[in-house]
Amino acid sequence: ITNFISKWRATFIHVLADFAILGPISVLSLMVCTSIVEGRTNTLIQELSLDFVPTVWASTVASLGFVPMQLLAFKHLPLKYRILYMNIQDIFQEFREFLLK
């Protein structure tokens, strides 16, 4: 039983780290790259100060629906299949949202 609990604890920590560390990094890199591509580098600092925290929050809230899938993926799938699994889930999510519009 302790091995079972420790595996789930590691899985929860993995998902939490995904939200806490990789989420903000992804949002930051997307905002910076978009500003560079669109030629808005002179307003980048202002945009980050205004929009970074709300965007990270919105990204986190939007990603909460993926938590059960992430838990299953991190717990049961080998590393080489996790990204494929999450990308397939993302495609289904986007398709569902498209149908609901």
C-alpha atoms as a PDB file:
ATOM      1  CA  ILE A   1       0.000   0.000   0.000  1.00  0.00           C
ATOM      2  CA  THR A   2       2.838   2.450   0.752  1.00  0.00           C
ATOM      3  CA  ASN A   3       4.282   1.841  -2.727  1.00  0.00           C
ATOM      4  CA  PHE A   4       0.856   2.579  -4.255  1.00  0.00           C
ATOM      5  CA  ILE A   5       0.533   5.802  -2.254  1.00  0.00           C
ATOM      6  CA  SER A   6       4.063   6.925  -3.088  1.00  0.00           C
ATOM      7  CA  LYS A   7       3.457   6.363  -6.822  1.00  0.00           C
ATOM      8  CA  TRP A   8       0.286   8.452  -6.707  1.00  0.00           C
ATOM      9  CA  ARG A   9       2.046  11.114  -4.633  1.00  0.00           C
ATOM     10  CA  ALA A  10       4.776  11.340  -7.273  1.00  0.00           C
ATOM     11  CA  THR A  11       2.107  11.576  -9.975  1.00  0.00           C
ATOM     12  CA  PHE A  12       0.315  14.424  -8.173  1.00  0.00           C
ATOM     13  CA  ILE A  13       3.623  16.254  -7.691  1.00  0.00           C
ATOM     14  CA  HIS A  14       4.350  15.824 -11.398  1.00  0.00           C
ATOM     15  CA  VAL A  15       0.984  17.327 -12.381  1.00  0.00           C
ATOM     16  CA  LEU A  16       1.341  20.136  -9.845  1.00  0.00           C
ATOM     17  CA  ALA A  17       4.808  20.957 -11.178  1.00  0.00           C
ATOM     18  CA  ASP A  18       3.367  20.999 -14.691  1.00  0.00           C
ATOM     19  CA  PHE A  19       0.875  23.668 -13.615  1.00  0.00           C
ATOM     20  CA  ALA A  20       3.178  25.654 -11.342  1.00  0.00           C
ATOM     21  CA  ILE A  21       6.377  25.647 -13.403  1.00  0.00           C
ATOM     22  CA  LEU A  22       5.650  24.827 -17.024  1.00  0.00           C
ATOM     23  CA  GLY A  23       2.389  26.789 -17.259  1.00  0.00           C
ATOM     24  CA  PRO A  24       3.941  30.194 -16.547  1.00  0.00           C
ATOM     25  CA  ILE A  25       6.967  29.383 -18.719  1.00  0.00           C
ATOM     26  CA  SER A  26       4.673  28.490 -21.631  1.00  0.00           C
ATOM     27  CA  VAL A  27       2.597  31.642 -21.236  1.00  0.00           C
ATOM     28  CA  LEU A  28       5.704  33.822 -20.955  1.00  0.00           C
ATOM     29  CA  SER A  29       7.350  32.312 -24.028  1.00  0.00           C
ATOM     30  CA  LEU A  30       4.138  32.624 -26.035  1.00  0.00           C
ATOM     31  CA  MET A  31       3.677  36.271 -25.056  1.00  0.00           C
ATOM     32  CA  VAL A  32       7.311  37.160 -25.813  1.00  0.00           C
ATOM     33  CA  CYS A  33       7.374  35.322 -29.144  1.00  0.00           C
ATOM     34  CA  THR A  34       4.056  36.845 -30.218  1.00  0.00           C
ATOM     35  CA  SER A  35       5.297  40.338 -29.387  1.00  0.00           C
ATOM     36  CA  ILE A  36       8.505  39.772 -31.347  1.00  0.00           C
ATOM     37  CA  VAL A  37       6.725  38.349 -34.392  1.00  0.00           C
ATOM     38  CA  GLU A  38       4.117  41.121 -34.376  1.00  0.00           C
ATOM     39  CA  GLY A  39       6.773  43.831 -33.900  1.00  0.00           C
ATOM     40  CA  ARG A  40       5.506  45.001 -30.509  1.00  0.00           C
ATOM     41  CA  THR A  41       8.757  44.646 -28.576  1.00  0.00           C
ATOM     42  CA  ASN A  42       8.599  48.262 -27.401  1.00  0.00           C
ATOM     43  CA  THR A  43       5.412  47.511 -25.405  1.00  0.00           C
ATOM     44  CA  LEU A  44       6.395  44.013 -24.266  1.00  0.00           C
ATOM     45  CA  ILE A  45       7.215  44.941 -20.664  1.00  0.00           C
ATOM     46  CA  GLN A  46       3.944  46.842 -20.303  1.00  0.00           C
ATOM     47  CA  GLU A  47       1.950  43.952 -21.799  1.00  0.00           C
ATOM     48  CA  LEU A  48       3.640  41.453 -19.498  1.00  0.00           C
ATOM     49  CA  SER A  49       2.966  43.592 -16.433  1.00  0.00           C
ATOM     50  CA  LEU A  50      -0.709  43.920 -17.353  1.00  0.00           C
ATOM     51  CA  ASP A  51      -1.536  40.557 -18.904  1.00  0.00           C
ATOM     52  CA  PHE A  52       0.879  37.909 -17.618  1.00  0.00           C
ATOM     53  CA  VAL A  53      -0.789  37.025 -14.303  1.00  0.00           C
ATOM     54  CA  PRO A  54      -4.376  37.004 -15.661  1.00  0.00           C
ATOM     55  CA  THR A  55      -3.249  34.919 -18.642  1.00  0.00           C
ATOM     56  CA  VAL A  56      -1.478  32.379 -16.436  1.00  0.00           C
ATOM     57  CA  TRP A  57      -4.592  32.188 -14.255  1.00  0.00           C
ATOM     58  CA  ALA A  58      -6.858  31.675 -17.285  1.00  0.00           C
ATOM     59  CA  SER A  59      -4.500  29.046 -18.668  1.00  0.00           C
ATOM     60  CA  THR A  60      -4.508  27.208 -15.341  1.00  0.00           C
ATOM     61  CA  VAL A  61      -8.297  27.279 -15.048  1.00  0.00           C
ATOM     62  CA  ALA A  62      -8.695  26.120 -18.646  1.00  0.00           C
ATOM     63  CA  SER A  63      -6.256  23.273 -18.056  1.00  0.00           C
ATOM     64  CA  LEU A  64      -8.012  21.928 -14.966  1.00  0.00           C
ATOM     65  CA  GLY A  65     -10.157  19.725 -17.192  1.00  0.00           C
ATOM     66  CA  PHE A  66      -7.018  17.891 -18.243  1.00  0.00           C
ATOM     67  CA  VAL A  67      -5.945  16.959 -14.714  1.00  0.00           C
ATOM     68  CA  PRO A  68      -7.575  13.486 -14.721  1.00  0.00           C
ATOM     69  CA  MET A  69      -6.025  12.723 -18.102  1.00  0.00           C
ATOM     70  CA  GLN A  70      -2.626  13.975 -16.939  1.00  0.00           C
ATOM     71  CA  LEU A  71      -2.817  11.862 -13.805  1.00  0.00           C
ATOM     72  CA  LEU A  72      -3.550   8.760 -15.862  1.00  0.00           C
ATOM     73  CA  ALA A  73      -0.858   9.588 -18.399  1.00  0.00           C
ATOM     74  CA  PHE A  74       1.855  10.310 -15.840  1.00  0.00           C
ATOM     75  CA  LYS A  75       0.903   7.252 -13.782  1.00  0.00           C
ATOM     76  CA  HIS A  76       0.413   4.597 -16.450  1.00  0.00           C
ATOM     77  CA  LEU A  77       1.945   5.603 -19.782  1.00  0.00           C
ATOM     78  CA  PRO A  78       5.595   5.269 -20.710  1.00  0.00           C
ATOM     79  CA  LEU A  79       7.305   8.589 -21.307  1.00  0.00           C
ATOM     80  CA  LYS A  80       7.468   8.161 -25.077  1.00  0.00           C
ATOM     81  CA  TYR A  81       3.642   7.982 -25.350  1.00  0.00           C
ATOM     82  CA  ARG A  82       2.640  10.774 -22.948  1.00  0.00           C
ATOM     83  CA  ILE A  83       2.962  13.685 -25.358  1.00  0.00           C
ATOM     84  CA  LEU A  84       1.084  11.803 -28.063  1.00  0.00           C
ATOM     85  CA  TYR A  85      -1.676  10.984 -25.582  1.00  0.00           C
ATOM     86  CA  MET A  86      -2.013  14.580 -24.394  1.00  0.00           C
ATOM     87  CA  ASN A  87      -1.965  15.910 -27.970  1.00  0.00           C
ATOM     88  CA  ILE A  88      -4.759  13.523 -28.954  1.00  0.00           C
ATOM     89  CA  GLN A  89      -6.745  14.670 -25.926  1.00  0.00           C
ATOM     90  CA  ASP A  90      -6.131  18.277 -26.942  1.00  0.00           C
ATOM     91  CA  ILE A  91      -7.424  17.590 -30.469  1.00  0.00           C
ATOM     92  CA  PHE A  92     -10.615  16.079 -29.063  1.00  0.00           C
ATOM     93  CA  GLN A  93     -11.017  19.058 -26.713  1.00  0.00           C
ATOM     94  CA  GLU A  94     -10.591  21.548 -29.571  1.00  0.00           C
ATOM     95  CA  PHE A  95     -13.042  19.589 -31.728  1.00  0.00           C
ATOM     96  CA  ARG A  96     -15.593  19.523 -28.905  1.00  0.00           C
ATOM     97  CA  GLU A  97     -15.258  23.277 -28.431  1.00  0.00           C
ATOM     98  CA  PHE A  98     -15.636  23.789 -32.181  1.00  0.00           C
ATOM     99  CA  LEU A  99     -18.863  21.782 -32.179  1.00  0.00           C
ATOM    100  CA  LEU A 100     -20.260  23.747 -29.242  1.00  0.00           C
ATOM    101  CA  LYS A 101     -19.793  27.132 -30.979  1.00  0.00           C
END
